[in-house]
């Protein structure tokens, strides 16, 4: 339990540092569907979504990788110019 709480605060720090805010602002509905497990073939309830994200907080590396894959977070090695280029291509 303590690890998940610590990872939650680490995730907030990572989010402040590397979040892709232009993409988040453009696609709020898709992001909320992603977080609430409402997108895709197998839609889940809110209770399941809460347990799902709580479970993912156990392994912060996997959660950060997943958020990077969907474009919500920038990879850590990207410069500011590369970040702007990625957003331009979206």
N, C-alpha and C. Protein backbone atom coordinates (compact mmCIF):
# COMPACT_ATOMS: atom_id res chain seq x y z
N UNK A 1 0.82 -1.19 0.00
CA UNK A 1 0.00 0.00 0.00
C UNK A 1 0.87 1.26 0.00
N UNK A 2 1.93 1.23 0.82
CA UNK A 2 2.81 2.39 0.90
C UNK A 2 3.54 2.63 -0.42
N UNK A 3 3.90 1.55 -1.10
CA UNK A 3 4.60 1.69 -2.37
C UNK A 3 3.69 2.36 -3.39
N UNK A 4 2.42 2.00 -3.39
CA UNK A 4 1.49 2.59 -4.35
C UNK A 4 1.27 4.07 -4.07
N UNK A 5 1.21 4.44 -2.81
CA UNK A 5 1.05 5.86 -2.46
C UNK A 5 2.29 6.64 -2.87
N UNK A 6 3.47 6.09 -2.61
CA UNK A 6 4.72 6.73 -3.03
C UNK A 6 4.78 6.85 -4.54
N UNK A 7 4.41 5.79 -5.24
CA UNK A 7 4.42 5.82 -6.70
C UNK A 7 3.42 6.83 -7.25
N UNK A 8 2.30 7.02 -6.56
CA UNK A 8 1.33 8.03 -6.98
C UNK A 8 1.96 9.42 -6.93
N UNK A 9 2.68 9.73 -5.86
CA UNK A 9 3.32 11.04 -5.77
C UNK A 9 4.47 11.17 -6.76
N UNK A 10 5.19 10.09 -7.03
CA UNK A 10 6.22 10.12 -8.07
C UNK A 10 5.60 10.35 -9.43
N UNK A 11 4.45 9.72 -9.68
CA UNK A 11 3.77 9.90 -10.96
C UNK A 11 3.32 11.34 -11.13
N UNK A 12 2.87 11.97 -10.09
CA UNK A 12 2.50 13.39 -10.16
C UNK A 12 3.71 14.22 -10.55
N UNK A 13 4.87 13.94 -9.97
CA UNK A 13 6.10 14.65 -10.33
C UNK A 13 6.50 14.42 -11.78
N UNK A 14 6.38 13.19 -12.23
CA UNK A 14 6.69 12.87 -13.62
C UNK A 14 5.71 13.58 -14.54
N UNK A 15 4.45 13.62 -14.14
CA UNK A 15 3.42 14.29 -14.95
C UNK A 15 3.71 15.78 -15.07
N UNK A 16 4.12 16.41 -14.00
CA UNK A 16 4.43 17.84 -14.06
C UNK A 16 5.62 18.11 -14.96
N UNK A 17 6.55 17.18 -14.98
CA UNK A 17 7.78 17.36 -15.73
C UNK A 17 7.63 17.04 -17.21
N UNK A 18 6.87 15.97 -17.55
CA UNK A 18 6.89 15.47 -18.92
C UNK A 18 5.53 15.34 -19.58
N UNK A 19 4.49 15.90 -19.04
CA UNK A 19 3.14 15.74 -19.62
C UNK A 19 3.05 16.45 -20.95
N UNK A 20 2.31 15.86 -21.86
CA UNK A 20 2.06 16.43 -23.18
C UNK A 20 0.76 17.25 -23.11
N UNK A 21 0.84 18.44 -22.54
CA UNK A 21 -0.35 19.25 -22.30
C UNK A 21 -1.11 19.64 -23.56
N UNK A 22 -0.43 19.96 -24.67
CA UNK A 22 -1.22 20.27 -25.88
C UNK A 22 -2.10 19.10 -26.32
N UNK A 23 -1.57 17.89 -26.27
CA UNK A 23 -2.37 16.72 -26.64
C UNK A 23 -3.49 16.48 -25.64
N UNK A 24 -3.21 16.65 -24.37
CA UNK A 24 -4.22 16.44 -23.33
C UNK A 24 -5.37 17.44 -23.52
N UNK A 25 -5.05 18.69 -23.83
CA UNK A 25 -6.10 19.70 -24.02
C UNK A 25 -6.95 19.41 -25.26
N UNK A 26 -6.31 18.89 -26.31
CA UNK A 26 -7.04 18.61 -27.55
C UNK A 26 -7.93 17.39 -27.43
N UNK A 27 -7.55 16.42 -26.64
CA UNK A 27 -8.28 15.15 -26.62
C UNK A 27 -8.71 14.78 -25.21
N UNK A 28 -9.41 15.66 -24.54
CA UNK A 28 -9.87 15.40 -23.18
C UNK A 28 -10.83 14.21 -23.12
N UNK A 29 -11.72 14.10 -24.09
CA UNK A 29 -12.70 13.01 -24.05
C UNK A 29 -12.01 11.66 -24.22
N UNK A 30 -11.08 11.55 -25.15
CA UNK A 30 -10.36 10.29 -25.35
C UNK A 30 -9.54 9.93 -24.12
N UNK A 31 -8.94 10.93 -23.50
CA UNK A 31 -8.16 10.67 -22.28
C UNK A 31 -9.05 10.21 -21.14
N UNK A 32 -10.21 10.82 -20.99
CA UNK A 32 -11.11 10.37 -19.92
C UNK A 32 -11.62 8.96 -20.19
N UNK A 33 -11.88 8.64 -21.46
CA UNK A 33 -12.27 7.27 -21.80
C UNK A 33 -11.15 6.29 -21.51
N UNK A 34 -9.92 6.69 -21.77
CA UNK A 34 -8.77 5.84 -21.49
C UNK A 34 -8.61 5.60 -20.00
N UNK A 35 -8.70 6.65 -19.22
CA UNK A 35 -8.53 6.53 -17.77
C UNK A 35 -9.66 5.75 -17.13
N UNK A 36 -10.88 5.94 -17.60
CA UNK A 36 -12.04 5.26 -17.03
C UNK A 36 -12.32 3.90 -17.67
N UNK A 37 -11.40 3.43 -18.53
CA UNK A 37 -11.53 2.13 -19.22
C UNK A 37 -12.84 2.05 -19.99
N UNK A 38 -13.21 3.13 -20.66
CA UNK A 38 -14.45 3.17 -21.44
C UNK A 38 -14.18 2.99 -22.94
N UNK A 39 -12.93 2.99 -23.36
CA UNK A 39 -12.63 2.85 -24.78
C UNK A 39 -12.31 1.40 -25.10
N UNK A 40 -12.48 1.05 -26.34
CA UNK A 40 -12.18 -0.30 -26.76
C UNK A 40 -13.38 -1.22 -26.72
N UNK A 41 -13.12 -2.49 -26.94
CA UNK A 41 -14.19 -3.48 -27.02
C UNK A 41 -14.74 -3.82 -25.64
N UNK A 42 -13.85 -4.00 -24.67
CA UNK A 42 -14.28 -4.43 -23.34
C UNK A 42 -14.36 -3.24 -22.39
N UNK A 43 -15.49 -2.64 -22.30
CA UNK A 43 -15.69 -1.50 -21.40
C UNK A 43 -15.86 -2.00 -19.99
N UNK A 44 -15.30 -1.26 -19.05
CA UNK A 44 -15.32 -1.67 -17.65
C UNK A 44 -16.08 -0.65 -16.80
N UNK A 45 -16.46 -1.08 -15.61
CA UNK A 45 -17.16 -0.18 -14.68
C UNK A 45 -16.15 0.75 -14.01
N UNK A 46 -16.67 1.77 -13.35
CA UNK A 46 -15.80 2.71 -12.64
C UNK A 46 -15.03 2.03 -11.51
N UNK A 47 -15.65 1.08 -10.86
CA UNK A 47 -14.98 0.36 -9.76
C UNK A 47 -13.80 -0.43 -10.31
N UNK A 48 -14.02 -1.11 -11.44
CA UNK A 48 -12.95 -1.86 -12.06
C UNK A 48 -11.81 -0.93 -12.48
N UNK A 49 -12.15 0.23 -13.05
CA UNK A 49 -11.14 1.19 -13.48
C UNK A 49 -10.30 1.67 -12.30
N UNK A 50 -10.94 1.93 -11.17
CA UNK A 50 -10.20 2.36 -9.99
C UNK A 50 -9.23 1.28 -9.53
N UNK A 51 -9.69 0.03 -9.48
CA UNK A 51 -8.81 -1.07 -9.08
C UNK A 51 -7.70 -1.28 -10.11
N UNK A 52 -8.02 -1.11 -11.38
CA UNK A 52 -7.04 -1.28 -12.44
C UNK A 52 -5.89 -0.28 -12.29
N UNK A 53 -6.21 0.99 -12.12
CA UNK A 53 -5.16 2.00 -11.98
C UNK A 53 -4.43 1.87 -10.65
N UNK A 54 -5.14 1.47 -9.61
CA UNK A 54 -4.49 1.23 -8.32
C UNK A 54 -3.49 0.08 -8.44
N UNK A 55 -3.86 -0.94 -9.19
CA UNK A 55 -2.96 -2.07 -9.41
C UNK A 55 -1.74 -1.63 -10.23
N UNK A 56 -1.94 -0.78 -11.23
CA UNK A 56 -0.83 -0.32 -12.06
C UNK A 56 0.15 0.55 -11.27
N UNK A 57 -0.29 1.16 -10.19
CA UNK A 57 0.63 1.97 -9.38
C UNK A 57 1.66 1.11 -8.67
N UNK A 58 1.46 -0.19 -8.64
CA UNK A 58 2.43 -1.09 -8.01
C UNK A 58 3.75 -1.05 -8.77
N UNK A 59 3.69 -0.98 -10.08
CA UNK A 59 4.88 -0.91 -10.91
C UNK A 59 4.90 0.38 -11.68
N UNK A 60 5.58 1.37 -11.18
CA UNK A 60 5.57 2.71 -11.78
C UNK A 60 6.18 2.70 -13.18
N UNK A 61 7.20 1.88 -13.42
CA UNK A 61 7.85 1.86 -14.73
C UNK A 61 6.87 1.44 -15.82
N UNK A 62 6.07 0.44 -15.55
CA UNK A 62 5.10 -0.03 -16.53
C UNK A 62 4.03 1.04 -16.79
N UNK A 63 3.59 1.69 -15.75
CA UNK A 63 2.57 2.73 -15.91
C UNK A 63 3.11 3.91 -16.70
N UNK A 64 4.33 4.34 -16.42
CA UNK A 64 4.94 5.44 -17.16
C UNK A 64 5.13 5.04 -18.62
N UNK A 65 5.58 3.80 -18.87
CA UNK A 65 5.73 3.33 -20.24
C UNK A 65 4.40 3.35 -20.98
N UNK A 66 3.35 2.93 -20.31
CA UNK A 66 2.03 2.91 -20.94
C UNK A 66 1.56 4.32 -21.28
N UNK A 67 1.79 5.26 -20.38
CA UNK A 67 1.40 6.65 -20.65
C UNK A 67 2.25 7.27 -21.75
N UNK A 68 3.53 6.88 -21.83
CA UNK A 68 4.38 7.34 -22.93
C UNK A 68 3.91 6.77 -24.26
N UNK A 69 3.50 5.51 -24.26
CA UNK A 69 3.05 4.86 -25.48
C UNK A 69 1.82 5.55 -26.05
N UNK A 70 0.91 5.96 -25.21
CA UNK A 70 -0.29 6.63 -25.68
C UNK A 70 -0.08 8.13 -25.91
N UNK A 71 1.11 8.64 -25.66
CA UNK A 71 1.42 10.03 -25.95
C UNK A 71 1.07 11.01 -24.85
N UNK A 72 0.61 10.51 -23.73
CA UNK A 72 0.25 11.40 -22.64
C UNK A 72 1.50 11.98 -21.98
N UNK A 73 2.55 11.19 -21.90
CA UNK A 73 3.84 11.64 -21.38
C UNK A 73 4.87 11.60 -22.50
N UNK A 74 5.79 12.57 -22.49
CA UNK A 74 6.92 12.53 -23.41
C UNK A 74 7.98 11.59 -22.85
N UNK A 75 8.72 10.90 -23.71
CA UNK A 75 9.87 10.13 -23.21
C UNK A 75 10.88 11.06 -22.57
N UNK A 76 11.60 10.57 -21.59
CA UNK A 76 12.48 11.43 -20.78
C UNK A 76 13.64 12.01 -21.58
N UNK A 77 14.07 11.35 -22.65
CA UNK A 77 15.25 11.81 -23.38
C UNK A 77 14.93 12.82 -24.48
N UNK A 78 13.71 13.24 -24.62
CA UNK A 78 13.32 14.18 -25.68
C UNK A 78 13.62 15.62 -25.26
N UNK A 79 14.14 16.40 -26.22
CA UNK A 79 14.40 17.82 -25.98
C UNK A 79 13.12 18.60 -26.28
N UNK A 80 13.13 19.88 -25.98
CA UNK A 80 11.96 20.72 -26.20
C UNK A 80 11.62 20.82 -27.69
N UNK A 81 12.64 20.89 -28.54
CA UNK A 81 12.39 20.97 -29.98
C UNK A 81 11.76 19.68 -30.49
N UNK A 82 12.22 18.54 -30.00
CA UNK A 82 11.65 17.27 -30.41
C UNK A 82 10.22 17.13 -29.92
N UNK A 83 9.93 17.64 -28.75
CA UNK A 83 8.56 17.60 -28.22
C UNK A 83 7.62 18.42 -29.10
N UNK A 84 8.07 19.60 -29.52
CA UNK A 84 7.24 20.43 -30.39
C UNK A 84 7.03 19.76 -31.74
N UNK A 85 8.06 19.09 -32.24
CA UNK A 85 7.93 18.38 -33.52
C UNK A 85 6.95 17.22 -33.41
N UNK A 86 6.99 16.49 -32.30
CA UNK A 86 6.03 15.40 -32.08
C UNK A 86 4.60 15.91 -32.05
N UNK A 87 4.37 17.02 -31.38
CA UNK A 87 3.03 17.59 -31.32
C UNK A 87 2.58 18.14 -32.67
N UNK A 88 3.50 18.63 -33.45
CA UNK A 88 3.17 19.14 -34.77
C UNK A 88 2.69 17.99 -35.66
N UNK A 89 3.32 16.82 -35.49
CA UNK A 89 2.95 15.66 -36.31
C UNK A 89 1.61 15.06 -35.89
N UNK A 90 1.19 15.30 -34.65
CA UNK A 90 -0.10 14.77 -34.21
C UNK A 90 -1.19 15.61 -34.79
